[in-house]
Protein backbone atom coordinates (compact mmCIF):
# COMPACT_ATOMS: atom_id res chain seq x y z
CA UNK A 1 98.07 79.80 93.31
CA UNK A 2 94.73 78.14 92.59
CA UNK A 3 96.21 74.74 93.49
CA UNK A 4 97.41 76.17 96.82
CA UNK A 5 93.93 77.49 97.47
CA UNK A 6 92.45 74.05 96.78
CA UNK A 7 94.83 72.47 99.31
CA UNK A 8 93.95 75.08 101.91
CA UNK A 9 90.29 74.40 101.35
CA UNK A 10 90.81 70.63 101.56
CA UNK A 11 92.75 70.82 104.85
CA UNK A 12 90.77 73.73 106.33
CA UNK A 13 93.80 76.04 106.45
CA UNK A 14 94.13 79.76 105.69
CA UNK A 15 96.11 80.80 102.63
CA UNK A 16 98.95 83.28 103.21
CA UNK A 17 100.30 85.38 100.34
CA UNK A 18 103.19 87.83 100.28
CA UNK A 19 102.22 91.36 99.28
CA UNK A 20 104.01 94.67 99.23
CA UNK A 21 107.69 95.40 99.17
CA UNK A 22 110.36 92.80 99.42
CA UNK A 23 113.99 92.30 98.58
CA UNK A 24 114.73 94.32 95.47
CA UNK A 25 115.41 93.42 92.70
CA UNK A 26 113.71 90.04 93.30
CA UNK A 27 110.41 91.71 94.23
CA UNK A 28 109.18 94.21 91.70
CA UNK A 29 107.18 96.72 93.67
CA UNK A 30 104.69 97.49 90.87
CA UNK A 31 103.73 93.82 90.88
CA UNK A 32 103.30 93.68 94.65
CA UNK A 33 100.20 95.87 94.87
CA UNK A 34 97.60 93.69 96.63
CA UNK A 35 94.80 94.95 94.38
CA UNK A 36 96.33 92.84 91.62
CA UNK A 37 94.78 89.91 93.55
CA UNK A 38 91.26 91.32 93.22
CA UNK A 39 90.02 88.84 90.61
CA UNK A 40 91.54 85.91 92.49
CA UNK A 41 89.92 87.03 95.74
CA UNK A 42 86.59 87.68 94.02
CA UNK A 43 86.46 84.16 92.55
CA UNK A 44 83.53 82.39 94.21
CA UNK A 45 85.62 79.27 94.95
CA UNK A 46 88.21 81.34 96.80
CA UNK A 47 85.81 83.35 98.94
CA UNK A 48 85.38 80.52 101.46
CA UNK A 49 89.05 80.24 102.47
CA UNK A 50 90.52 82.78 104.90
CA UNK A 51 93.31 84.55 103.03
CA UNK A 52 96.03 86.51 104.78
CA UNK A 53 97.70 89.10 102.60
CA UNK A 54 100.96 89.38 104.46
CA UNK A 55 102.92 92.54 105.16
CA UNK A 56 99.87 94.83 104.74
CA UNK A 57 100.84 95.35 101.11
CA UNK A 58 103.28 98.03 102.27
CA UNK A 59 103.50 100.67 100.82
CA UNK A 60 100.01 99.99 99.39
CA UNK A 61 98.26 100.41 102.74
CA UNK A 62 95.03 102.02 101.56
CA UNK A 63 94.66 99.38 98.88
CA UNK A 64 95.07 96.67 101.50
CA UNK A 65 92.48 98.27 103.75
CA UNK A 66 90.10 98.33 100.81
CA UNK A 67 90.57 94.60 100.12
CA UNK A 68 90.08 93.71 103.80
CA UNK A 69 86.89 95.74 103.98
CA UNK A 70 85.40 94.39 100.74
CA UNK A 71 86.25 90.70 101.01
CA UNK A 72 85.01 88.79 104.05
CA UNK A 73 87.83 86.24 103.77
CA UNK A 74 90.73 88.71 103.57
CA UNK A 75 92.99 89.62 106.51
CA UNK A 76 96.37 91.33 106.79
CA UNK A 77 99.26 91.85 109.17
CA UNK A 78 101.47 94.87 109.78
CA UNK A 79 104.87 93.20 109.68
CA UNK A 80 106.48 94.80 106.65
CA UNK A 81 105.26 98.25 107.59
CA UNK A 82 106.68 98.23 111.12
CA UNK A 83 109.91 96.59 110.07
CA UNK A 84 110.60 98.97 107.18
CA UNK A 85 108.65 102.15 107.92
CA UNK A 86 109.92 102.48 111.47
CA UNK A 87 108.78 105.78 112.90
CA UNK A 88 106.18 106.18 110.15
CA UNK A 89 104.32 103.11 111.40
CA UNK A 90 101.78 105.27 113.25
CA UNK A 91 100.83 107.00 110.01
CA UNK A 92 100.62 103.59 108.33
CA UNK A 93 98.30 102.21 111.01
CA UNK A 94 95.99 105.18 110.49
CA UNK A 95 96.02 104.64 106.72
CA UNK A 96 95.13 100.97 107.14
CA UNK A 97 92.36 101.70 109.62
CA UNK A 98 90.70 104.17 107.26
CA UNK A 99 88.97 101.14 105.76
CA UNK A 100 90.42 97.95 107.27
CA UNK A 101 88.13 96.53 109.97
CA UNK A 102 89.72 96.05 113.40
CA UNK A 103 88.80 92.37 113.13
CA UNK A 104 91.00 91.92 110.04
CA UNK A 105 94.30 93.46 111.19
CA UNK A 106 97.02 91.50 113.01
CA UNK A 107 100.37 92.29 114.54
CA UNK A 108 103.42 90.51 113.15
CA UNK A 109 107.07 91.51 113.45
CA UNK A 110 108.66 90.13 110.25
CA UNK A 111 111.94 90.14 112.11
CA UNK A 112 113.38 87.51 109.80
CA UNK A 113 115.11 85.70 112.63
CA UNK A 114 117.05 88.72 113.88
CA UNK A 115 116.07 89.08 117.56
CA UNK A 116 116.63 92.83 117.67
CA UNK A 117 114.25 93.38 114.76
CA UNK A 118 111.56 91.27 116.38
CA UNK A 119 111.99 93.11 119.69
CA UNK A 120 111.94 96.53 118.03
CA UNK A 121 108.90 95.73 115.91
CA UNK A 122 106.89 94.48 118.89
CA UNK A 123 107.89 97.37 121.14
CA UNK A 124 107.38 100.11 118.60
CA UNK A 125 104.15 98.75 117.15
CA UNK A 126 102.52 98.65 120.59
CA UNK A 127 103.47 102.30 121.12
CA UNK A 128 102.25 103.36 117.68
CA UNK A 129 98.98 101.45 118.08
CA UNK A 130 98.43 103.01 121.51
CA UNK A 131 98.92 106.52 120.12
CA UNK A 132 96.62 105.78 117.19
CA UNK A 133 93.83 104.38 119.34
CA UNK A 134 94.26 107.25 121.83
CA UNK A 135 93.62 109.66 118.95
CA UNK A 136 90.31 107.89 118.25
CA UNK A 137 89.38 108.17 121.94
CA UNK A 138 90.34 111.86 122.04
CA UNK A 139 88.12 112.46 118.99
CA UNK A 140 85.23 110.63 120.74
CA UNK A 141 85.06 108.00 118.01
CA UNK A 142 85.01 105.34 120.74
CA UNK A 143 85.80 105.07 124.44
CA UNK A 144 88.87 103.72 126.28
CA UNK A 145 87.32 100.27 126.85
CA UNK A 146 86.66 99.92 123.11
CA UNK A 147 90.21 101.07 122.30
CA UNK A 148 91.58 98.42 124.68
CA UNK A 149 89.35 95.79 123.07
CA UNK A 150 90.61 96.73 119.58
CA UNK A 151 94.23 96.65 120.79
CA UNK A 152 93.76 93.09 122.14
CA UNK A 153 92.18 92.05 118.85
CA UNK A 154 95.02 93.43 116.73
CA UNK A 155 97.83 92.31 119.03
CA UNK A 156 96.68 88.71 119.50
CA UNK A 157 93.00 87.78 119.35
CA UNK A 158 92.55 88.10 115.58
CA UNK A 159 95.56 85.86 114.90
CA UNK A 160 94.44 83.33 117.50
CA UNK A 161 91.00 83.15 115.93
CA UNK A 162 92.23 82.98 112.34
CA UNK A 163 95.03 80.46 112.96
CA UNK A 164 92.94 78.51 115.49
CA UNK A 165 95.56 78.86 118.24
């Protein structure tokens, strides 16, 4: 892991790490909690390389939000949550956004090459994000223009900035 980080630093690339659930029994869910990376992320040498903790650590969403809010170099995507949580994705987005900055969250489908999964993830996530941001507007947390700005950031702008696309 530290060697991978050195290579990313050398070539000015972000480091991407799998977190959260995976294919059982290969992935042991107790070992997939993203907070287990705390010491690695806190290491001074590693704080200069953008690090994407993939799959939002699902089901450890609050823990992921915490890491994104406390480490300037840490980002996450929502792929595992949308793909596996389905209709609960809206709840998951709200859990992430309790602490995860809008600038650190990215859409991803994690469709695994199956076109229907990619289509479903993109379609449903947009709907769930819209409902979530509409709730913030309804509660007067921010206005419609700000909600639209945050949606653009999460759906594409954050990834474009991070991956230099």
